[in-house]
């Protein structure tokens, strides 16, 4: 089983970080390590209040992405509304393509479509 110190894990994270570098002016980025896997968290700086989590468990080869819309209650506390979720992303190439589509608004569009056009 991989862990946060494995060369495989660090190579995956480095590849994703390198791709995400082009979006540094739009997103704050944070990498977190957990007992069961790692995540790269993106928080949109100004355009739209969005939070995107890219997650990979150590014991699986698939990735997942979940995006949230950030809201604030009357006391000023943050809360998150789920916009989009996809799992079982089989390769880093598919992951990068999915990240690109979400950054361009796929998650927002899918959320609007689900809210307004489902029976």
N, C-alpha and C. Protein backbone atom coordinates (compact mmCIF):
# COMPACT_ATOMS: atom_id res chain seq x y z
N UNK A 1 0.83 -1.18 0.00
CA UNK A 1 0.00 0.00 0.00
C UNK A 1 0.88 1.25 0.00
N UNK A 2 0.45 2.23 -0.79
CA UNK A 2 1.18 3.49 -0.85
C UNK A 2 0.90 4.31 0.41
N UNK A 3 1.75 5.27 0.65
CA UNK A 3 1.48 6.25 1.69
C UNK A 3 1.98 7.60 1.19
N UNK A 4 1.87 8.60 2.03
CA UNK A 4 2.22 9.95 1.58
C UNK A 4 3.70 10.11 1.25
N UNK A 5 4.53 9.20 1.72
CA UNK A 5 5.96 9.30 1.45
C UNK A 5 6.41 8.49 0.24
N UNK A 6 5.51 7.74 -0.37
CA UNK A 6 5.91 6.90 -1.48
C UNK A 6 6.24 7.75 -2.71
N UNK A 7 7.14 7.24 -3.53
CA UNK A 7 7.53 7.94 -4.75
C UNK A 7 6.36 8.03 -5.72
N UNK A 8 5.52 7.01 -5.76
CA UNK A 8 4.35 7.01 -6.64
C UNK A 8 3.39 8.13 -6.26
N UNK A 9 3.09 8.24 -4.99
CA UNK A 9 2.19 9.29 -4.51
C UNK A 9 2.76 10.67 -4.83
N UNK A 10 4.02 10.89 -4.52
CA UNK A 10 4.62 12.19 -4.76
C UNK A 10 4.68 12.53 -6.25
N UNK A 11 4.91 11.52 -7.10
CA UNK A 11 4.94 11.77 -8.55
C UNK A 11 3.56 12.17 -9.04
N UNK A 12 2.51 11.47 -8.57
CA UNK A 12 1.14 11.82 -8.96
C UNK A 12 0.82 13.26 -8.56
N UNK A 13 1.13 13.59 -7.34
CA UNK A 13 0.83 14.94 -6.84
C UNK A 13 1.61 15.98 -7.63
N UNK A 14 2.87 15.70 -7.93
CA UNK A 14 3.69 16.65 -8.69
C UNK A 14 3.13 16.88 -10.09
N UNK A 15 2.65 15.82 -10.75
CA UNK A 15 2.07 15.96 -12.09
C UNK A 15 0.83 16.84 -12.03
N UNK A 16 -0.03 16.60 -11.05
CA UNK A 16 -1.25 17.39 -10.92
C UNK A 16 -0.92 18.84 -10.56
N UNK A 17 0.01 19.04 -9.63
CA UNK A 17 0.42 20.39 -9.25
C UNK A 17 0.96 21.15 -10.46
N UNK A 18 1.77 20.47 -11.26
CA UNK A 18 2.33 21.11 -12.45
C UNK A 18 1.22 21.57 -13.39
N UNK A 19 0.21 20.72 -13.59
CA UNK A 19 -0.91 21.12 -14.43
C UNK A 19 -1.66 22.30 -13.81
N UNK A 20 -1.89 22.27 -12.51
CA UNK A 20 -2.66 23.31 -11.83
C UNK A 20 -1.93 24.63 -11.73
N UNK A 21 -0.61 24.64 -11.94
CA UNK A 21 0.15 25.89 -11.86
C UNK A 21 -0.41 26.98 -12.78
N UNK A 22 -0.97 26.59 -13.91
CA UNK A 22 -1.51 27.58 -14.84
C UNK A 22 -2.75 28.29 -14.28
N UNK A 23 -3.33 27.75 -13.22
CA UNK A 23 -4.53 28.32 -12.62
C UNK A 23 -4.23 29.02 -11.28
N UNK A 24 -2.96 29.27 -10.98
CA UNK A 24 -2.59 29.88 -9.70
C UNK A 24 -3.22 31.26 -9.47
N UNK A 25 -3.51 31.98 -10.54
CA UNK A 25 -4.11 33.30 -10.37
C UNK A 25 -5.61 33.22 -10.07
N UNK A 26 -6.21 32.03 -10.22
CA UNK A 26 -7.65 31.86 -9.97
C UNK A 26 -7.92 31.08 -8.69
N UNK A 27 -7.02 30.15 -8.32
CA UNK A 27 -7.27 29.27 -7.18
C UNK A 27 -6.16 29.31 -6.15
N UNK A 28 -6.55 29.27 -4.88
CA UNK A 28 -5.62 28.92 -3.81
C UNK A 28 -5.55 27.40 -3.81
N UNK A 29 -4.39 26.86 -3.50
CA UNK A 29 -4.22 25.40 -3.55
C UNK A 29 -3.65 24.92 -2.23
N UNK A 30 -4.18 23.77 -1.77
CA UNK A 30 -3.73 23.19 -0.52
C UNK A 30 -3.67 21.67 -0.69
N UNK A 31 -2.58 21.06 -0.27
CA UNK A 31 -2.44 19.60 -0.33
C UNK A 31 -2.56 19.06 1.08
N UNK A 32 -3.41 18.05 1.23
CA UNK A 32 -3.62 17.45 2.55
C UNK A 32 -3.40 15.95 2.47
N UNK A 33 -2.83 15.41 3.53
CA UNK A 33 -2.60 13.97 3.64
C UNK A 33 -3.45 13.42 4.78
N UNK A 34 -4.10 12.31 4.52
CA UNK A 34 -4.95 11.66 5.52
C UNK A 34 -4.48 10.21 5.69
N UNK A 35 -5.02 9.53 6.66
CA UNK A 35 -4.67 8.12 6.86
C UNK A 35 -5.06 7.27 5.65
N UNK A 36 -6.17 7.62 5.00
CA UNK A 36 -6.68 6.79 3.91
C UNK A 36 -6.32 7.30 2.51
N UNK A 37 -5.74 8.50 2.40
CA UNK A 37 -5.38 9.01 1.08
C UNK A 37 -4.92 10.46 1.16
N UNK A 38 -4.87 11.10 0.00
CA UNK A 38 -4.45 12.49 -0.08
C UNK A 38 -5.44 13.29 -0.91
N UNK A 39 -5.40 14.62 -0.73
CA UNK A 39 -6.27 15.48 -1.53
C UNK A 39 -5.53 16.75 -1.92
N UNK A 40 -5.96 17.29 -3.05
CA UNK A 40 -5.55 18.62 -3.47
C UNK A 40 -6.84 19.44 -3.46
N UNK A 41 -6.84 20.51 -2.69
CA UNK A 41 -8.03 21.33 -2.51
C UNK A 41 -7.82 22.68 -3.19
N UNK A 42 -8.77 23.06 -4.01
CA UNK A 42 -8.71 24.32 -4.73
C UNK A 42 -9.84 25.23 -4.25
N UNK A 43 -9.49 26.44 -3.88
CA UNK A 43 -10.50 27.41 -3.47
C UNK A 43 -10.41 28.59 -4.41
N UNK A 44 -11.51 28.86 -5.08
CA UNK A 44 -11.52 29.94 -6.05
C UNK A 44 -11.33 31.28 -5.35
N UNK A 45 -10.48 32.13 -5.93
CA UNK A 45 -10.12 33.39 -5.28
C UNK A 45 -11.20 34.45 -5.41
N UNK A 46 -11.77 34.63 -6.60
CA UNK A 46 -12.67 35.76 -6.75
C UNK A 46 -13.83 35.54 -7.70
N UNK A 47 -13.69 34.75 -8.70
CA UNK A 47 -14.69 34.68 -9.77
C UNK A 47 -16.02 34.12 -9.28
N UNK A 48 -15.98 32.98 -8.65
CA UNK A 48 -17.18 32.29 -8.19
C UNK A 48 -16.82 31.57 -6.90
N UNK A 49 -17.66 31.62 -5.89
CA UNK A 49 -17.28 31.00 -4.61
C UNK A 49 -17.35 29.47 -4.68
N UNK A 50 -16.27 28.87 -5.10
CA UNK A 50 -16.24 27.43 -5.35
C UNK A 50 -15.05 26.78 -4.65
N UNK A 51 -15.25 25.54 -4.24
CA UNK A 51 -14.22 24.74 -3.58
C UNK A 51 -14.19 23.38 -4.28
N UNK A 52 -13.04 22.97 -4.76
CA UNK A 52 -12.90 21.73 -5.52
C UNK A 52 -11.91 20.83 -4.77
N UNK A 53 -12.31 19.57 -4.57
CA UNK A 53 -11.47 18.60 -3.88
C UNK A 53 -11.14 17.46 -4.83
N UNK A 54 -9.86 17.24 -5.04
CA UNK A 54 -9.36 16.10 -5.81
C UNK A 54 -8.83 15.11 -4.79
N UNK A 55 -9.33 13.89 -4.79
CA UNK A 55 -8.97 12.92 -3.76
C UNK A 55 -8.51 11.61 -4.38
N UNK A 56 -7.50 11.00 -3.75
CA UNK A 56 -7.03 9.68 -4.17
C UNK A 56 -6.70 8.86 -2.92
N UNK A 57 -7.41 7.74 -2.73
CA UNK A 57 -7.07 6.84 -1.63
C UNK A 57 -5.75 6.13 -1.92
N UNK A 58 -5.04 5.77 -0.88
CA UNK A 58 -3.78 5.05 -1.07
C UNK A 58 -4.00 3.64 -1.59
N UNK A 59 -5.13 3.03 -1.27
CA UNK A 59 -5.34 1.63 -1.61
C UNK A 59 -6.12 1.42 -2.91
N UNK A 60 -6.30 2.47 -3.71
CA UNK A 60 -7.00 2.35 -4.98
C UNK A 60 -6.25 3.12 -6.05
N UNK A 61 -6.52 2.77 -7.30
CA UNK A 61 -5.87 3.49 -8.40
C UNK A 61 -6.73 4.62 -8.95
N UNK A 62 -8.01 4.69 -8.53
CA UNK A 62 -8.92 5.70 -9.05
C UNK A 62 -8.89 6.98 -8.22
N UNK A 63 -9.20 8.06 -8.92
CA UNK A 63 -9.32 9.38 -8.31
C UNK A 63 -10.79 9.77 -8.23
N UNK A 64 -11.08 10.78 -7.43
CA UNK A 64 -12.42 11.36 -7.42
C UNK A 64 -12.29 12.88 -7.30
N UNK A 65 -13.34 13.56 -7.77
CA UNK A 65 -13.39 15.02 -7.68
C UNK A 65 -14.78 15.40 -7.18
N UNK A 66 -14.80 16.33 -6.25
CA UNK A 66 -16.07 16.86 -5.78
C UNK A 66 -15.94 18.38 -5.72
N UNK A 67 -16.95 19.06 -6.23
CA UNK A 67 -16.92 20.52 -6.16
C UNK A 67 -18.11 21.01 -5.34
N UNK A 68 -17.88 22.13 -4.70
CA UNK A 68 -18.87 22.73 -3.80
C UNK A 68 -19.00 24.21 -4.11
N UNK A 69 -20.18 24.72 -3.88
CA UNK A 69 -20.42 26.15 -3.90
C UNK A 69 -20.32 26.62 -2.46
N UNK A 70 -19.61 27.71 -2.22
CA UNK A 70 -19.42 28.22 -0.86
C UNK A 70 -20.50 29.26 -0.56
N UNK A 71 -21.14 29.08 0.58
CA UNK A 71 -22.17 30.01 1.06
C UNK A 71 -21.78 30.46 2.46
N UNK A 72 -22.46 31.52 2.93
CA UNK A 72 -22.26 32.01 4.28
C UNK A 72 -23.62 32.19 4.94
N UNK A 73 -23.71 31.77 6.19
CA UNK A 73 -24.96 31.97 6.92
C UNK A 73 -24.96 33.38 7.52
N UNK A 74 -25.99 33.71 8.27
CA UNK A 74 -26.11 35.07 8.81
C UNK A 74 -25.05 35.42 9.84
N UNK A 75 -24.47 34.39 10.46
CA UNK A 75 -23.38 34.63 11.41
C UNK A 75 -22.03 34.74 10.72
N UNK A 76 -22.01 34.56 9.40
CA UNK A 76 -20.77 34.64 8.65
C UNK A 76 -20.00 33.33 8.56
N UNK A 77 -20.61 32.23 9.03
CA UNK A 77 -19.94 30.93 8.95
C UNK A 77 -20.14 30.33 7.57
N UNK A 78 -19.08 29.73 7.08
CA UNK A 78 -19.14 29.07 5.78
C UNK A 78 -19.92 27.77 5.84
N UNK A 79 -20.63 27.49 4.77
CA UNK A 79 -21.17 26.15 4.57
C UNK A 79 -21.10 25.87 3.08
N UNK A 80 -21.12 24.60 2.73
CA UNK A 80 -20.88 24.18 1.36
C UNK A 80 -22.09 23.45 0.80
N UNK A 81 -22.41 23.76 -0.44
CA UNK A 81 -23.46 23.06 -1.17
C UNK A 81 -22.79 22.27 -2.29
N UNK A 82 -23.03 20.98 -2.31
CA UNK A 82 -22.41 20.13 -3.32
C UNK A 82 -22.91 20.50 -4.71
N UNK A 83 -21.98 20.67 -5.65
CA UNK A 83 -22.31 20.97 -7.04
C UNK A 83 -22.18 19.74 -7.93
N UNK A 84 -21.07 19.01 -7.75
CA UNK A 84 -20.74 17.96 -8.72
C UNK A 84 -19.82 16.95 -8.07
N UNK A 85 -19.99 15.69 -8.44
CA UNK A 85 -19.12 14.62 -7.93
C UNK A 85 -18.90 13.60 -9.02
N UNK A 86 -17.66 13.20 -9.17
CA UNK A 86 -17.32 12.12 -10.10
C UNK A 86 -16.24 11.27 -9.43
N UNK A 87 -16.40 9.96 -9.50
CA UNK A 87 -15.37 9.07 -8.95
C UNK A 87 -14.99 8.04 -10.00
N UNK A 88 -14.14 7.14 -9.61
CA UNK A 88 -13.63 6.09 -10.51
C UNK A 88 -12.95 6.66 -11.75
N UNK A 89 -12.23 7.75 -11.58
CA UNK A 89 -11.43 8.30 -12.68
C UNK A 89 -10.17 7.46 -12.74
N UNK A 90 -9.99 6.75 -13.84
CA UNK A 90 -9.01 5.66 -13.91
C UNK A 90 -7.56 6.09 -14.15
N UNK A 91 -7.34 7.25 -14.74
CA UNK A 91 -5.95 7.63 -15.05
C UNK A 91 -5.73 9.11 -14.75
N UNK A 92 -4.47 9.45 -14.65
CA UNK A 92 -4.12 10.84 -14.37
C UNK A 92 -4.49 11.73 -15.57
N UNK A 93 -4.44 11.18 -16.78
CA UNK A 93 -4.83 11.93 -17.97
C UNK A 93 -6.32 12.26 -17.93
N UNK A 94 -7.15 11.27 -17.56
CA UNK A 94 -8.59 11.51 -17.44
C UNK A 94 -8.87 12.51 -16.31
N UNK A 95 -8.12 12.40 -15.23
CA UNK A 95 -8.27 13.32 -14.12
C UNK A 95 -8.00 14.76 -14.56
N UNK A 96 -6.92 14.97 -15.26
CA UNK A 96 -6.55 16.31 -15.72
C UNK A 96 -7.61 16.86 -16.67
N UNK A 97 -8.14 16.03 -17.55
CA UNK A 97 -9.20 16.48 -18.45
C UNK A 97 -10.46 16.86 -17.66
N UNK A 98 -10.81 16.07 -16.66
CA UNK A 98 -11.97 16.36 -15.83
C UNK A 98 -11.76 17.65 -15.02
N UNK A 99 -10.56 17.84 -14.48
CA UNK A 99 -10.25 19.08 -13.75
C UNK A 99 -10.47 20.28 -14.67
N UNK A 100 -9.95 20.19 -15.88
CA UNK A 100 -10.08 21.29 -16.84
C UNK A 100 -11.56 21.60 -17.10
N UNK A 101 -12.37 20.57 -17.31
CA UNK A 101 -13.79 20.77 -17.59
C UNK A 101 -14.51 21.40 -16.38
N UNK A 102 -14.13 21.00 -15.19
CA UNK A 102 -14.74 21.58 -13.98
C UNK A 102 -14.31 23.03 -13.82
N UNK A 103 -13.05 23.32 -14.03
CA UNK A 103 -12.59 24.71 -13.93
C UNK A 103 -13.33 25.58 -14.93
N UNK A 104 -13.63 25.05 -16.11
CA UNK A 104 -14.37 25.81 -17.12
C UNK A 104 -15.88 25.86 -16.85
N UNK A 105 -16.35 25.21 -15.77
CA UNK A 105 -17.73 25.38 -15.37
C UNK A 105 -18.64 24.18 -15.52
N UNK A 106 -18.12 23.02 -15.85
CA UNK A 106 -18.95 21.82 -15.99
C UNK A 106 -19.76 21.55 -14.72
N UNK A 107 -19.15 21.72 -13.57
CA UNK A 107 -19.84 21.45 -12.31
C UNK A 107 -21.02 22.40 -12.10
N UNK A 108 -20.83 23.67 -12.43
CA UNK A 108 -21.89 24.65 -12.27
C UNK A 108 -23.03 24.35 -13.24
N UNK A 109 -22.70 24.08 -14.48
CA UNK A 109 -23.70 23.77 -15.49
C UNK A 109 -24.50 22.52 -15.10
N UNK A 110 -23.81 21.46 -14.67
CA UNK A 110 -24.49 20.23 -14.28
C UNK A 110 -25.42 20.45 -13.08
N UNK A 111 -25.00 21.27 -12.14
CA UNK A 111 -25.82 21.57 -10.98
C UNK A 111 -27.08 22.34 -11.38
N UNK A 112 -26.93 23.33 -12.24
CA UNK A 112 -28.08 24.10 -12.72
C UNK A 112 -29.03 23.21 -13.50
N UNK A 113 -28.47 22.37 -14.35
CA UNK A 113 -29.28 21.45 -15.15
C UNK A 113 -30.08 20.51 -14.26
N UNK A 114 -29.43 19.98 -13.22
CA UNK A 114 -30.09 19.07 -12.30
C UNK A 114 -31.21 19.77 -11.52
N UNK A 115 -30.96 20.99 -11.08
CA UNK A 115 -31.95 21.72 -10.30
C UNK A 115 -33.15 22.18 -11.13
N UNK A 116 -32.90 22.54 -12.38
CA UNK A 116 -33.94 23.18 -13.18
C UNK A 116 -34.58 22.31 -14.25
N UNK A 117 -33.94 21.21 -14.61
CA UNK A 117 -34.45 20.45 -15.73
C UNK A 117 -34.72 18.99 -15.42
N UNK A 118 -34.79 18.63 -14.16
CA UNK A 118 -35.15 17.26 -13.80
C UNK A 118 -36.63 17.22 -13.45
N UNK A 119 -37.22 16.11 -13.74
CA UNK A 119 -38.66 15.96 -13.48
C UNK A 119 -38.94 15.44 -12.11
